[in-house]
Amino acid sequence: MKLFKKLALTAALALPVLALAACGSNKSTTQTPKTVKVGIMSTDVEIWKDIQKRLAKEDVKIKLVQFTEYNTPNQALQDGDIQLNSFQHNDFLNTWNKKHNEKLTAIGNTYIGPMRAFSNKIKSLKDLKKGDTVSVPNDVSNEGRALDLLAANGIIKVKDVATPTIHDITENKLDLKITELDSAQTARSLNDVDAAIVNNDIAVAANLKPADAISVEKLSAKSKPWINIIAAKSAADKKNKTYQKIVKAYETKRTAKLLKKYYKGAVIPAW
């Protein structure tokens, strides 16, 4: 599936990682445990249950481990508590690796979903008034995307850096109070702020409809860092045949149909 050709056709629309490790060991290995534990976000349960069922016919056993926030799946992967995880995009993985001096590795792609702004009070970001409050995710990569969305709407100006933070804001004429929250809390903040910029999977989990967004991040060929991935503990795990089967099972037309069904147009297959 040609992702960016598809993006061009779906411009109107405008975050998983599978990691591999031997359970109970901090050393990467190409040897596969009898049951592969895959860490996922709760919004992806139905997608992965289908993959689980399909691979059972090939004698590949998958146990799904659900997470509800972004702080623990990579550490669980690094510690060997799970063998794969699927919850993050490339940039989030790279940022985590640098911070922890680790080498978790992407071994496959899943989907891409734009950031969206939601509000219970206004109909457009341009309706924001002086002193209003906007909540954004507090992890580096997604905060940068959120600030870029505000900047694209002419609300603020930020330095020309890859992943801006609130410290990179150079102009804020409305004196907006930009509140950094854990990604999982942004949707829950809607009653307390004038606008919230929410990660795609968090929005889905909160039953926020894409059509209700007051602004949508535009996707293009430059959006590659935001492609969600299947990742392993190290590059050596790319050779693991069982993990390759899992990636292959994900990157199918069947999975693309399920993404359309459960995400209701909020994401685009990215393989």
Protein backbone atom coordinates (compact mmCIF):
# COMPACT_ATOMS: atom_id res chain seq x y z
CA MET A 1 0.00 0.00 0.00
CA LYS A 2 1.57 3.32 -1.08
CA LEU A 3 1.15 5.45 2.02
CA PHE A 4 1.95 8.89 0.74
CA LYS A 5 0.07 8.37 -2.52
CA LYS A 6 -2.86 7.57 -0.30
CA LEU A 7 -2.19 10.64 1.83
CA ALA A 8 -2.49 12.80 -1.27
CA LEU A 9 -5.88 11.29 -1.97
CA THR A 10 -6.99 11.74 1.63
CA ALA A 11 -5.58 15.17 2.44
CA ALA A 12 -8.91 16.02 3.98
CA LEU A 13 -7.95 13.94 6.98
CA ALA A 14 -5.56 16.70 7.62
CA LEU A 15 0.62 7.11 17.30
CA PRO A 16 2.58 1.21 18.28
CA VAL A 17 5.59 -0.48 18.70
CA LEU A 18 6.37 -4.14 18.77
CA ALA A 19 9.49 -4.95 20.71
CA LEU A 20 11.27 -8.20 20.97
CA ALA A 21 13.10 -9.71 23.89
CA ALA A 22 13.39 -13.01 25.69
CA CYS A 23 10.96 -12.98 28.61
CA GLY A 24 12.76 -12.43 31.87
CA SER A 25 16.02 -11.45 30.20
CA ASN A 26 17.59 -8.10 29.33
CA LYS A 27 19.53 -9.60 26.43
CA SER A 28 18.16 -9.42 22.92
CA THR A 29 17.72 -12.73 21.16
CA THR A 30 16.35 -14.16 17.94
CA GLN A 31 15.02 -17.17 19.85
CA THR A 32 11.25 -16.99 20.14
CA PRO A 33 9.41 -17.77 23.39
CA LYS A 34 6.50 -20.23 23.13
CA THR A 35 4.08 -17.35 23.61
CA VAL A 36 4.89 -13.89 22.26
CA LYS A 37 3.65 -11.15 24.57
CA VAL A 38 2.63 -8.08 22.63
CA GLY A 39 2.08 -4.77 24.43
CA ILE A 40 -0.68 -2.68 22.89
CA MET A 41 -2.88 0.31 23.65
CA SER A 42 -6.45 -0.53 24.61
CA THR A 43 -7.76 1.10 21.41
CA ASP A 44 -6.00 -1.54 19.30
CA VAL A 45 -7.46 -4.58 21.04
CA GLU A 46 -9.85 -5.60 18.26
CA ILE A 47 -7.16 -5.20 15.60
CA TRP A 48 -4.72 -7.40 17.48
CA LYS A 49 -7.30 -9.99 18.49
CA ASP A 50 -7.92 -10.62 14.82
CA ILE A 51 -4.18 -10.96 14.15
CA GLN A 52 -3.92 -13.24 17.17
CA LYS A 53 -6.65 -15.49 15.76
CA ARG A 54 -5.14 -15.57 12.28
CA LEU A 55 -1.66 -16.47 13.52
CA ALA A 56 -2.95 -19.18 15.85
CA LYS A 57 -3.61 -21.18 12.66
CA GLU A 58 0.13 -20.93 11.95
CA ASP A 59 1.04 -22.09 15.47
CA VAL A 60 2.10 -18.58 16.52
CA LYS A 61 0.75 -17.88 20.00
CA ILE A 62 0.24 -14.25 20.98
CA LYS A 63 -0.69 -12.91 24.42
CA LEU A 64 -1.95 -9.33 24.40
CA VAL A 65 -0.83 -7.03 27.22
CA GLN A 66 -2.85 -3.82 27.37
CA PHE A 67 -1.50 -0.39 28.34
CA THR A 68 -3.46 2.83 28.80
CA GLU A 69 -0.61 5.36 28.75
CA TYR A 70 2.75 5.87 27.07
CA ASN A 71 5.17 5.78 29.99
CA THR A 72 5.60 2.04 30.52
CA PRO A 73 5.39 -0.06 27.31
CA ASN A 74 8.96 0.61 26.17
CA GLN A 75 10.40 -0.11 29.61
CA ALA A 76 8.37 -3.32 29.74
CA LEU A 77 9.88 -4.24 26.39
CA GLN A 78 13.40 -3.40 27.49
CA ASP A 79 12.96 -5.41 30.70
CA GLY A 80 11.68 -8.45 28.81
CA ASP A 81 8.21 -8.37 30.36
CA ILE A 82 6.84 -8.32 26.81
CA GLN A 83 8.44 -9.33 23.56
CA LEU A 84 6.74 -6.80 21.26
CA ASN A 85 4.73 -3.60 21.66
CA SER A 86 2.59 -1.47 19.38
CA PHE A 87 1.74 2.01 20.65
CA GLN A 88 4.14 4.68 19.35
CA HIS A 89 5.45 6.41 16.28
CA ASN A 90 9.04 6.58 15.04
CA ASP A 91 9.85 9.89 16.68
CA PHE A 92 8.59 8.78 20.09
CA LEU A 93 10.75 5.64 19.86
CA ASN A 94 13.84 7.60 18.84
CA THR A 95 13.33 10.08 21.67
CA TRP A 96 12.92 7.24 24.19
CA ASN A 97 16.04 5.46 22.96
CA LYS A 98 18.15 8.62 23.28
CA LYS A 99 16.86 9.38 26.74
CA HIS A 100 17.47 5.84 28.04
CA ASN A 101 20.51 5.00 25.90
CA GLU A 102 18.77 1.91 24.50
CA LYS A 103 18.30 0.40 21.04
CA LEU A 104 14.68 -0.60 20.68
CA THR A 105 14.12 -1.08 16.95
CA ALA A 106 11.20 -0.63 14.54
CA ILE A 107 10.51 -3.84 12.58
CA GLY A 108 7.26 -2.92 10.83
CA ASN A 109 4.73 -0.16 10.23
CA THR A 110 1.11 0.03 11.35
CA TYR A 111 -0.77 3.29 10.72
CA ILE A 112 -0.57 7.05 10.90
CA GLY A 113 -3.14 9.31 12.50
CA PRO A 114 -3.10 13.13 12.60
CA MET A 115 -3.25 15.09 15.85
CA ARG A 116 -6.57 16.84 16.33
CA ALA A 117 -7.77 19.77 18.39
CA PHE A 118 -11.09 19.41 20.23
CA SER A 119 -13.18 21.77 22.31
CA ASN A 120 -16.44 21.87 24.23
CA LYS A 121 -16.47 25.66 24.05
CA ILE A 122 -15.36 26.90 20.63
CA LYS A 123 -15.83 25.86 17.00
CA SER A 124 -12.38 26.80 15.69
CA LEU A 125 -8.91 27.46 17.07
CA LYS A 126 -9.30 30.96 15.65
CA ASP A 127 -12.07 31.52 18.23
CA LEU A 128 -9.53 31.40 21.07
CA LYS A 129 -9.49 34.60 23.13
CA LYS A 130 -6.86 36.35 25.21
CA GLY A 131 -5.90 34.32 28.27
CA ASP A 132 -7.63 31.11 27.15
CA THR A 133 -6.20 27.72 28.12
CA VAL A 134 -5.01 24.99 25.73
CA SER A 135 -3.85 21.56 26.87
CA VAL A 136 -1.15 19.67 24.93
CA PRO A 137 0.62 16.31 25.43
CA ASN A 138 3.73 16.60 27.61
CA ASP A 139 5.99 14.10 25.83
CA VAL A 140 8.53 15.82 23.61
CA SER A 141 7.51 14.55 20.18
CA ASN A 142 3.74 14.89 20.57
CA GLU A 143 4.02 18.26 22.29
CA GLY A 144 5.98 19.44 19.27
CA ARG A 145 3.24 18.26 16.92
CA ALA A 146 0.60 20.00 19.05
CA LEU A 147 2.50 23.31 19.04
CA ASP A 148 3.07 23.04 15.30
CA LEU A 149 -0.70 22.60 14.87
CA LEU A 150 -1.30 25.81 16.82
CA ALA A 151 1.36 27.57 14.77
CA ALA A 152 -0.13 26.32 11.48
CA ASN A 153 -3.37 28.02 12.52
CA GLY A 154 -1.57 31.30 13.23
CA ILE A 155 -2.27 31.08 16.98
CA ILE A 156 1.38 31.11 18.08
CA LYS A 157 4.84 31.18 16.53
CA VAL A 158 7.60 28.72 17.41
CA LYS A 159 11.26 28.31 16.57
CA ASP A 160 12.06 26.28 13.46
CA VAL A 161 13.13 23.14 15.30
CA ALA A 162 12.14 19.49 14.80
CA THR A 163 10.20 19.09 18.04
CA PRO A 164 9.41 22.44 19.68
CA THR A 165 8.43 22.74 23.34
CA ILE A 166 6.68 25.60 25.13
CA HIS A 167 10.14 27.11 25.65
CA ASP A 168 10.44 27.48 21.85
CA ILE A 169 7.35 29.69 21.56
CA THR A 170 8.47 33.03 20.14
CA GLU A 171 5.09 34.73 19.88
CA ASN A 172 1.89 34.25 21.89
CA LYS A 173 -0.21 37.36 21.23
CA LEU A 174 -3.25 35.93 23.01
CA ASP A 175 -1.22 35.11 26.13
CA LEU A 176 -2.63 31.59 25.97
CA LYS A 177 -2.02 29.39 28.97
CA ILE A 178 -0.61 26.23 27.39
CA THR A 179 -0.91 23.37 29.86
CA GLU A 180 1.29 20.28 29.42
CA LEU A 181 -0.48 17.07 30.42
CA ASP A 182 0.17 13.36 30.14
CA SER A 183 -1.20 12.36 26.74
CA ALA A 184 -3.88 10.20 28.34
CA GLN A 185 -5.19 13.24 30.25
CA THR A 186 -5.62 15.64 27.32
CA ALA A 187 -9.05 14.32 26.31
CA ARG A 188 -10.18 14.32 29.94
CA SER A 189 -9.22 17.99 30.25
CA LEU A 190 -11.85 19.20 27.76
CA ASN A 191 -14.20 20.47 30.47
CA ASP A 192 -11.39 22.43 32.09
CA VAL A 193 -9.73 24.07 29.09
CA ASP A 194 -10.85 26.02 26.06
CA ALA A 195 -9.20 23.57 23.66
CA ALA A 196 -7.23 20.33 23.89
CA ILE A 197 -4.89 18.84 21.31
CA VAL A 198 -5.20 15.08 21.50
CA ASN A 199 -3.24 12.11 20.14
CA ASN A 200 -5.22 9.95 17.76
CA ASP A 201 -5.47 6.79 19.88
CA ILE A 202 -6.30 8.79 23.01
CA ALA A 203 -9.08 10.55 21.09
CA VAL A 204 -10.47 7.21 19.93
CA ALA A 205 -10.38 5.81 23.46
CA ALA A 206 -12.30 8.88 24.68
CA ASN A 207 -14.91 8.44 21.92
CA LEU A 208 -13.98 11.75 20.35
CA LYS A 209 -15.11 11.72 16.72
CA PRO A 210 -12.73 12.95 14.01
CA ALA A 211 -15.59 14.95 12.49
CA ASP A 212 -15.91 16.92 15.73
CA ALA A 213 -12.32 18.15 15.68
CA ILE A 214 -11.91 21.92 15.42
CA SER A 215 -8.55 21.53 13.67
CA VAL A 216 -6.59 18.65 12.13
CA GLU A 217 -2.86 18.20 11.57
CA LYS A 218 -2.06 18.08 7.86
CA LEU A 219 -0.20 14.96 6.72
CA SER A 220 2.38 14.86 3.95
CA ALA A 221 5.53 13.07 2.86
CA LYS A 222 7.24 14.87 5.76
CA SER A 223 5.03 13.02 8.25
CA LYS A 224 7.19 9.87 8.27
CA PRO A 225 8.33 10.41 11.90
CA TRP A 226 4.67 10.10 12.95
CA ILE A 227 4.12 6.67 11.40
CA ASN A 228 3.25 4.18 14.12
CA ILE A 229 5.44 1.13 14.22
CA ILE A 230 6.03 -2.43 15.30
CA ALA A 231 9.36 -2.50 17.09
CA ALA A 232 11.71 -5.00 18.66
CA LYS A 233 14.31 -4.84 21.38
CA SER A 234 17.24 -4.74 18.95
CA ALA A 235 18.08 -4.83 15.26
CA ALA A 236 19.00 -8.51 15.60
CA ASP A 237 15.37 -9.32 16.32
CA LYS A 238 14.42 -8.29 12.78
CA LYS A 239 15.66 -11.71 11.69
CA ASN A 240 13.32 -13.59 14.00
CA LYS A 241 10.99 -15.54 11.72
CA THR A 242 8.11 -15.56 14.18
CA TYR A 243 8.26 -11.80 14.58
CA GLN A 244 8.41 -11.47 10.80
CA LYS A 245 5.18 -13.49 10.59
CA ILE A 246 3.53 -11.10 13.04
CA VAL A 247 4.60 -8.06 11.02
CA LYS A 248 3.44 -9.72 7.80
CA ALA A 249 0.07 -10.54 9.35
CA TYR A 250 -0.39 -6.91 10.36
CA GLU A 251 0.56 -5.46 6.99
CA THR A 252 -2.41 -6.90 5.08
CA LYS A 253 -5.62 -5.74 3.40
CA ARG A 254 -7.52 -7.52 6.18
CA THR A 255 -5.90 -5.30 8.81
CA ALA A 256 -6.49 -2.19 6.68
CA LYS A 257 -10.23 -2.99 6.63
CA LEU A 258 -10.23 -3.43 10.41
CA LEU A 259 -8.48 -0.10 10.91
CA LYS A 260 -11.15 1.57 8.80
CA LYS A 261 -13.89 -0.18 10.78
CA TYR A 262 -12.67 0.51 14.30
CA TYR A 263 -10.99 3.88 13.79
CA LYS A 264 -13.78 5.18 11.54
CA GLY A 265 -11.48 7.03 9.19
CA ALA A 266 -9.24 8.50 11.88
CA VAL A 267 -6.10 6.69 10.68
CA ILE A 268 -4.42 5.63 7.44
CA PRO A 269 -2.58 2.29 6.97
CA ALA A 270 1.13 3.10 6.73
CA TRP A 271 2.81 0.14 5.06
